[in-house]
Amino acid sequence: MNGAGPMGEQQRVKFPPEIVEEYASLGVDLPALFSAGHLGTRMGVQILEASPERVVGTMPVEGNTQPYGLLHGGASAVLAETLGSIGSMLHGGSSKLAVGVDLNCTHHRGVRSGMVTGVATPVHRGRSTATYEIVISDEQGRRVCSARLTCLLRDIPAGEEAQAQTATGS
């Protein structure tokens, strides 16, 4: 985490103003809600930018490798699902809960060191599902992994929005 705590990193996430206002009116800590969660934090995932149109995050290769010293494919999957889920949650809004139902990852090249960056962009944003393409690249801009995530957008019963959102952000 580059010597900074996870909350300090999360505070730098760029959100569109209308999304900040929507969640502030519910009393929800937006940076905590749309974070990488416990697993992502353990893996060093940092969210840099988040909107329904584009989610950007980084993850160090160090600490996330398989026995041959290459970035673990499962680590790429964690980064991809995190970014696609955040995009889906932001698309669904405060009355929806995004639940991943399909994740596909194709690994193109190995990475042994440095940082990888993932960029999630929507393929489909509907009322009940959202699908995002996630491209993960190395520090030289070479594609490491192509992923696609589809999330089911479930209605949150009225009055339970803040409780459900707090649970998903923990």
C-alpha atoms as a PDB file:
ATOM      1  CA  MET A   1       0.000   0.000   0.000  1.00  0.00           C
ATOM      2  CA  ASN A   2       3.025   2.254  -0.431  1.00  0.00           C
ATOM      3  CA  GLY A   3       3.228   2.956   3.294  1.00  0.00           C
ATOM      4  CA  ALA A   4      -0.220   4.490   3.528  1.00  0.00           C
ATOM      5  CA  GLY A   5      -3.197   2.894   5.245  1.00  0.00           C
ATOM      6  CA  PRO A   6      -6.147   1.661   3.206  1.00  0.00           C
ATOM      7  CA  MET A   7      -8.439   4.483   4.310  1.00  0.00           C
ATOM      8  CA  GLY A   8      -5.923   7.112   3.193  1.00  0.00           C
ATOM      9  CA  GLU A   9      -5.738   5.467  -0.219  1.00  0.00           C
ATOM     10  CA  GLN A  10      -9.515   5.131  -0.553  1.00  0.00           C
ATOM     11  CA  GLN A  11     -10.042   8.852   0.114  1.00  0.00           C
ATOM     12  CA  ARG A  12      -8.296   9.651  -3.203  1.00  0.00           C
ATOM     13  CA  VAL A  13     -10.818   7.738  -5.335  1.00  0.00           C
ATOM     14  CA  LYS A  14     -12.401  10.005  -7.930  1.00  0.00           C
ATOM     15  CA  PHE A  15     -16.216   9.692  -8.004  1.00  0.00           C
ATOM     16  CA  PRO A  16     -18.673  11.721 -10.122  1.00  0.00           C
ATOM     17  CA  PRO A  17     -20.296  14.473  -7.974  1.00  0.00           C
ATOM     18  CA  GLU A  18     -23.856  13.176  -8.484  1.00  0.00           C
ATOM     19  CA  ILE A  19     -22.863   9.774  -7.079  1.00  0.00           C
ATOM     20  CA  VAL A  20     -21.174  11.366  -4.068  1.00  0.00           C
ATOM     21  CA  GLU A  21     -24.378  13.345  -3.377  1.00  0.00           C
ATOM     22  CA  GLU A  22     -26.660  10.285  -3.740  1.00  0.00           C
ATOM     23  CA  TYR A  23     -24.741   8.222  -1.205  1.00  0.00           C
ATOM     24  CA  ALA A  24     -24.038  11.147   1.155  1.00  0.00           C
ATOM     25  CA  SER A  25     -27.801  11.681   1.456  1.00  0.00           C
ATOM     26  CA  LEU A  26     -28.052   8.085   2.726  1.00  0.00           C
ATOM     27  CA  GLY A  27     -25.249   8.607   5.248  1.00  0.00           C
ATOM     28  CA  VAL A  28     -23.031   6.062   3.468  1.00  0.00           C
ATOM     29  CA  ASP A  29     -19.225   6.306   3.424  1.00  0.00           C
ATOM     30  CA  LEU A  30     -18.754   6.122  -0.349  1.00  0.00           C
ATOM     31  CA  PRO A  31     -14.977   5.433  -0.398  1.00  0.00           C
ATOM     32  CA  ALA A  32     -15.407   2.568   2.094  1.00  0.00           C
ATOM     33  CA  LEU A  33     -18.413   1.115   0.247  1.00  0.00           C
ATOM     34  CA  PHE A  34     -16.774   1.066  -3.167  1.00  0.00           C
ATOM     35  CA  SER A  35     -13.413  -0.259  -2.036  1.00  0.00           C
ATOM     36  CA  ALA A  36     -11.663  -3.505  -2.794  1.00  0.00           C
ATOM     37  CA  GLY A  37     -12.991  -5.085   0.416  1.00  0.00           C
ATOM     38  CA  HIS A  38     -10.943  -7.251   2.765  1.00  0.00           C
ATOM     39  CA  LEU A  39      -9.536  -9.571   0.081  1.00  0.00           C
ATOM     40  CA  GLY A  40      -8.584  -6.697  -2.208  1.00  0.00           C
ATOM     41  CA  THR A  41      -6.979  -4.827   0.667  1.00  0.00           C
ATOM     42  CA  ARG A  42      -4.915  -7.891   1.580  1.00  0.00           C
ATOM     43  CA  MET A  43      -3.778  -8.087  -2.054  1.00  0.00           C
ATOM     44  CA  GLY A  44      -2.925  -4.388  -2.279  1.00  0.00           C
ATOM     45  CA  VAL A  45      -5.733  -3.432  -4.681  1.00  0.00           C
ATOM     46  CA  GLN A  46      -6.254   0.322  -4.841  1.00  0.00           C
ATOM     47  CA  ILE A  47      -9.203   1.952  -6.573  1.00  0.00           C
ATOM     48  CA  LEU A  48      -8.171   5.164  -8.337  1.00  0.00           C
ATOM     49  CA  GLU A  49     -11.285   6.181 -10.259  1.00  0.00           C
ATOM     50  CA  ALA A  50     -14.877   4.957 -10.115  1.00  0.00           C
ATOM     51  CA  SER A  51     -17.962   5.769 -12.181  1.00  0.00           C
ATOM     52  CA  PRO A  52     -20.535   3.635 -14.023  1.00  0.00           C
ATOM     53  CA  GLU A  53     -18.606   4.364 -17.248  1.00  0.00           C
ATOM     54  CA  ARG A  54     -15.067   3.560 -16.056  1.00  0.00           C
ATOM     55  CA  VAL A  55     -13.417   2.022 -13.014  1.00  0.00           C
ATOM     56  CA  VAL A  56      -9.617   2.048 -12.650  1.00  0.00           C
ATOM     57  CA  GLY A  57      -7.563   0.205 -10.055  1.00  0.00           C
ATOM     58  CA  THR A  58      -4.051  -1.066  -9.460  1.00  0.00           C
ATOM     59  CA  MET A  59      -2.513  -4.101  -7.779  1.00  0.00           C
ATOM     60  CA  PRO A  60       1.124  -4.965  -7.031  1.00  0.00           C
ATOM     61  CA  VAL A  61       2.545  -8.117  -8.551  1.00  0.00           C
ATOM     62  CA  GLU A  62       4.716  -8.699  -5.466  1.00  0.00           C
ATOM     63  CA  GLY A  63       2.807 -10.792  -2.937  1.00  0.00           C
ATOM     64  CA  ASN A  64       0.316 -11.965  -5.593  1.00  0.00           C
ATOM     65  CA  THR A  65       2.406 -14.517  -7.470  1.00  0.00           C
ATOM     66  CA  GLN A  66       2.187 -18.267  -8.050  1.00  0.00           C
ATOM     67  CA  PRO A  67       5.089 -20.692  -7.368  1.00  0.00           C
ATOM     68  CA  TYR A  68       6.888 -19.812 -10.638  1.00  0.00           C
ATOM     69  CA  GLY A  69       7.075 -16.159  -9.624  1.00  0.00           C
ATOM     70  CA  LEU A  70       4.454 -14.951 -12.102  1.00  0.00           C
ATOM     71  CA  LEU A  71       1.349 -12.921 -11.265  1.00  0.00           C
ATOM     72  CA  HIS A  72      -1.249 -15.466 -10.155  1.00  0.00           C
ATOM     73  CA  GLY A  73      -4.221 -15.778 -12.512  1.00  0.00           C
ATOM     74  CA  GLY A  74      -6.515 -15.763  -9.493  1.00  0.00           C
ATOM     75  CA  ALA A  75      -5.061 -12.399  -8.454  1.00  0.00           C
ATOM     76  CA  SER A  76      -5.947 -10.999 -11.878  1.00  0.00           C
ATOM     77  CA  ALA A  77      -9.446 -12.430 -11.394  1.00  0.00           C
ATOM     78  CA  VAL A  78      -9.770 -10.682  -8.021  1.00  0.00           C
ATOM     79  CA  LEU A  79      -8.758  -7.345  -9.562  1.00  0.00           C
ATOM     80  CA  ALA A  80     -11.137  -7.863 -12.499  1.00  0.00           C
ATOM     81  CA  GLU A  81     -14.118  -8.840 -10.348  1.00  0.00           C
ATOM     82  CA  THR A  82     -13.480  -5.973  -7.952  1.00  0.00           C
ATOM     83  CA  LEU A  83     -13.436  -3.371 -10.737  1.00  0.00           C
ATOM     84  CA  GLY A  84     -16.402  -4.814 -12.632  1.00  0.00           C
ATOM     85  CA  SER A  85     -18.446  -5.140  -9.438  1.00  0.00           C
ATOM     86  CA  ILE A  86     -17.801  -1.523  -8.487  1.00  0.00           C
ATOM     87  CA  GLY A  87     -18.919  -0.372 -11.945  1.00  0.00           C
ATOM     88  CA  SER A  88     -22.038  -2.545 -11.687  1.00  0.00           C
ATOM     89  CA  MET A  89     -22.844  -1.240  -8.214  1.00  0.00           C
ATOM     90  CA  LEU A  90     -22.481   2.360  -9.354  1.00  0.00           C
ATOM     91  CA  HIS A  91     -24.661   1.670 -12.408  1.00  0.00           C
ATOM     92  CA  GLY A  92     -27.327   0.002 -10.253  1.00  0.00           C
ATOM     93  CA  GLY A  93     -27.419   2.884  -7.796  1.00  0.00           C
ATOM     94  CA  SER A  94     -28.258   2.928  -4.118  1.00  0.00           C
ATOM     95  CA  SER A  95     -31.404   0.777  -4.475  1.00  0.00           C
ATOM     96  CA  LYS A  96     -29.568  -2.169  -6.094  1.00  0.00           C
ATOM     97  CA  LEU A  97     -27.049  -4.754  -4.959  1.00  0.00           C
ATOM     98  CA  ALA A  98     -24.638  -6.106  -7.589  1.00  0.00           C
ATOM     99  CA  VAL A  99     -23.840  -9.826  -7.355  1.00  0.00           C
ATOM    100  CA  GLY A 100     -21.278 -11.390  -9.702  1.00  0.00           C
ATOM    101  CA  VAL A 101     -22.717 -14.347 -11.635  1.00  0.00           C
ATOM    102  CA  ASP A 102     -20.136 -14.928 -14.381  1.00  0.00           C
ATOM    103  CA  LEU A 103     -16.422 -14.148 -14.601  1.00  0.00           C
ATOM    104  CA  ASN A 104     -14.210 -15.052 -17.560  1.00  0.00           C
ATOM    105  CA  CYS A 105     -10.471 -14.324 -17.636  1.00  0.00           C
ATOM    106  CA  THR A 106      -7.977 -14.888 -20.437  1.00  0.00           C
ATOM    107  CA  HIS A 107      -4.333 -14.549 -19.393  1.00  0.00           C
ATOM    108  CA  HIS A 108      -2.096 -13.242 -22.194  1.00  0.00           C
ATOM    109  CA  ARG A 109       1.349 -12.771 -20.662  1.00  0.00           C
ATOM    110  CA  GLY A 110       3.196 -13.331 -17.420  1.00  0.00           C
ATOM    111  CA  VAL A 111       4.320 -10.518 -15.146  1.00  0.00           C
ATOM    112  CA  ARG A 112       7.043 -10.940 -12.500  1.00  0.00           C
ATOM    113  CA  SER A 113       7.251  -7.513 -10.869  1.00  0.00           C
ATOM    114  CA  GLY A 114       5.827  -4.031 -10.697  1.00  0.00           C
ATOM    115  CA  MET A 115       2.218  -2.943 -10.718  1.00  0.00           C
ATOM    116  CA  VAL A 116      -0.697  -3.948 -12.921  1.00  0.00           C
ATOM    117  CA  THR A 117      -3.572  -1.620 -13.764  1.00  0.00           C
ATOM    118  CA  GLY A 118      -7.113  -2.701 -14.534  1.00  0.00           C
ATOM    119  CA  VAL A 119      -9.681  -0.629 -16.417  1.00  0.00           C
ATOM    120  CA  ALA A 120     -13.321  -1.733 -16.400  1.00  0.00           C
ATOM    121  CA  THR A 121     -15.719  -0.372 -19.038  1.00  0.00           C
ATOM    122  CA  PRO A 122     -19.351  -1.377 -19.611  1.00  0.00           C
ATOM    123  CA  VAL A 123     -20.388  -3.779 -22.331  1.00  0.00           C
ATOM    124  CA  HIS A 124     -24.050  -3.828 -21.213  1.00  0.00           C
ATOM    125  CA  ARG A 125     -25.864  -1.866 -18.507  1.00  0.00           C
ATOM    126  CA  GLY A 126     -29.455  -2.966 -18.085  1.00  0.00           C
ATOM    127  CA  ARG A 127     -32.080  -2.989 -15.348  1.00  0.00           C
ATOM    128  CA  SER A 128     -31.306  -6.483 -14.058  1.00  0.00           C
ATOM    129  CA  THR A 129     -27.741  -7.176 -15.248  1.00  0.00           C
ATOM    130  CA  ALA A 130     -24.546  -5.295 -15.976  1.00  0.00           C
ATOM    131  CA  THR A 131     -21.558  -6.643 -17.908  1.00  0.00           C
ATOM    132  CA  TYR A 132     -18.104  -5.060 -17.833  1.00  0.00           C
ATOM    133  CA  GLU A 133     -14.947  -5.746 -19.812  1.00  0.00           C
ATOM    134  CA  ILE A 134     -11.816  -5.434 -17.710  1.00  0.00           C
ATOM    135  CA  VAL A 135      -8.397  -4.989 -19.323  1.00  0.00           C
ATOM    136  CA  ILE A 136      -5.397  -5.545 -17.056  1.00  0.00           C
ATOM    137  CA  SER A 137      -2.057  -4.156 -18.272  1.00  0.00           C
ATOM    138  CA  ASP A 138       1.508  -4.098 -17.006  1.00  0.00           C
ATOM    139  CA  GLU A 139       3.581  -0.962 -16.430  1.00  0.00           C
ATOM    140  CA  GLN A 140       4.610  -0.917 -20.112  1.00  0.00           C
ATOM    141  CA  GLY A 141       0.959  -0.863 -21.201  1.00  0.00           C
ATOM    142  CA  ARG A 142       1.014  -4.480 -22.432  1.00  0.00           C
ATOM    143  CA  ARG A 143      -2.205  -6.443 -21.949  1.00  0.00           C
ATOM    144  CA  VAL A 144      -1.772  -9.087 -19.258  1.00  0.00           C
ATOM    145  CA  CYS A 145      -5.381 -10.250 -18.950  1.00  0.00           C
ATOM    146  CA  SER A 146      -8.750  -9.704 -20.629  1.00  0.00           C
ATOM    147  CA  ALA A 147     -11.763 -10.350 -18.424  1.00  0.00           C
ATOM    148  CA  ARG A 148     -15.524 -10.042 -18.580  1.00  0.00           C
ATOM    149  CA  LEU A 149     -17.810  -9.889 -15.542  1.00  0.00           C
ATOM    150  CA  THR A 150     -21.601 -10.055 -15.478  1.00  0.00           C
ATOM    151  CA  CYS A 151     -23.405  -8.993 -12.327  1.00  0.00           C
ATOM    152  CA  LEU A 152     -27.027  -9.536 -11.397  1.00  0.00           C
ATOM    153  CA  LEU A 153     -28.591  -6.309 -10.087  1.00  0.00           C
ATOM    154  CA  ARG A 154     -30.905  -7.223  -7.207  1.00  0.00           C
ATOM    155  CA  ASP A 155     -33.396  -4.854  -5.622  1.00  0.00           C
ATOM    156  CA  ILE A 156     -32.679  -3.951  -2.021  1.00  0.00           C
ATOM    157  CA  PRO A 157     -35.891  -3.831   0.045  1.00  0.00           C
ATOM    158  CA  ALA A 158     -36.859  -0.264   1.001  1.00  0.00           C
ATOM    159  CA  GLY A 159     -35.298   0.870   4.274  1.00  0.00           C
ATOM    160  CA  GLU A 160     -32.434  -1.606   4.038  1.00  0.00           C
ATOM    161  CA  GLU A 161     -30.218   0.319   1.588  1.00  0.00           C
ATOM    162  CA  ALA A 162     -27.693   1.644   4.097  1.00  0.00           C
ATOM    163  CA  GLN A 163     -27.497  -1.695   5.947  1.00  0.00           C
ATOM    164  CA  ALA A 164     -26.922  -3.693   2.734  1.00  0.00           C
ATOM    165  CA  GLN A 165     -24.409  -1.195   1.405  1.00  0.00           C
ATOM    166  CA  THR A 166     -22.470  -1.210   4.642  1.00  0.00           C
ATOM    167  CA  ALA A 167     -22.342  -5.032   4.469  1.00  0.00           C
ATOM    168  CA  THR A 168     -21.063  -5.033   0.880  1.00  0.00           C
ATOM    169  CA  GLY A 169     -18.341  -2.533   1.677  1.00  0.00           C
ATOM    170  CA  SER A 170     -16.927  -4.469   4.606  1.00  0.00           C
END
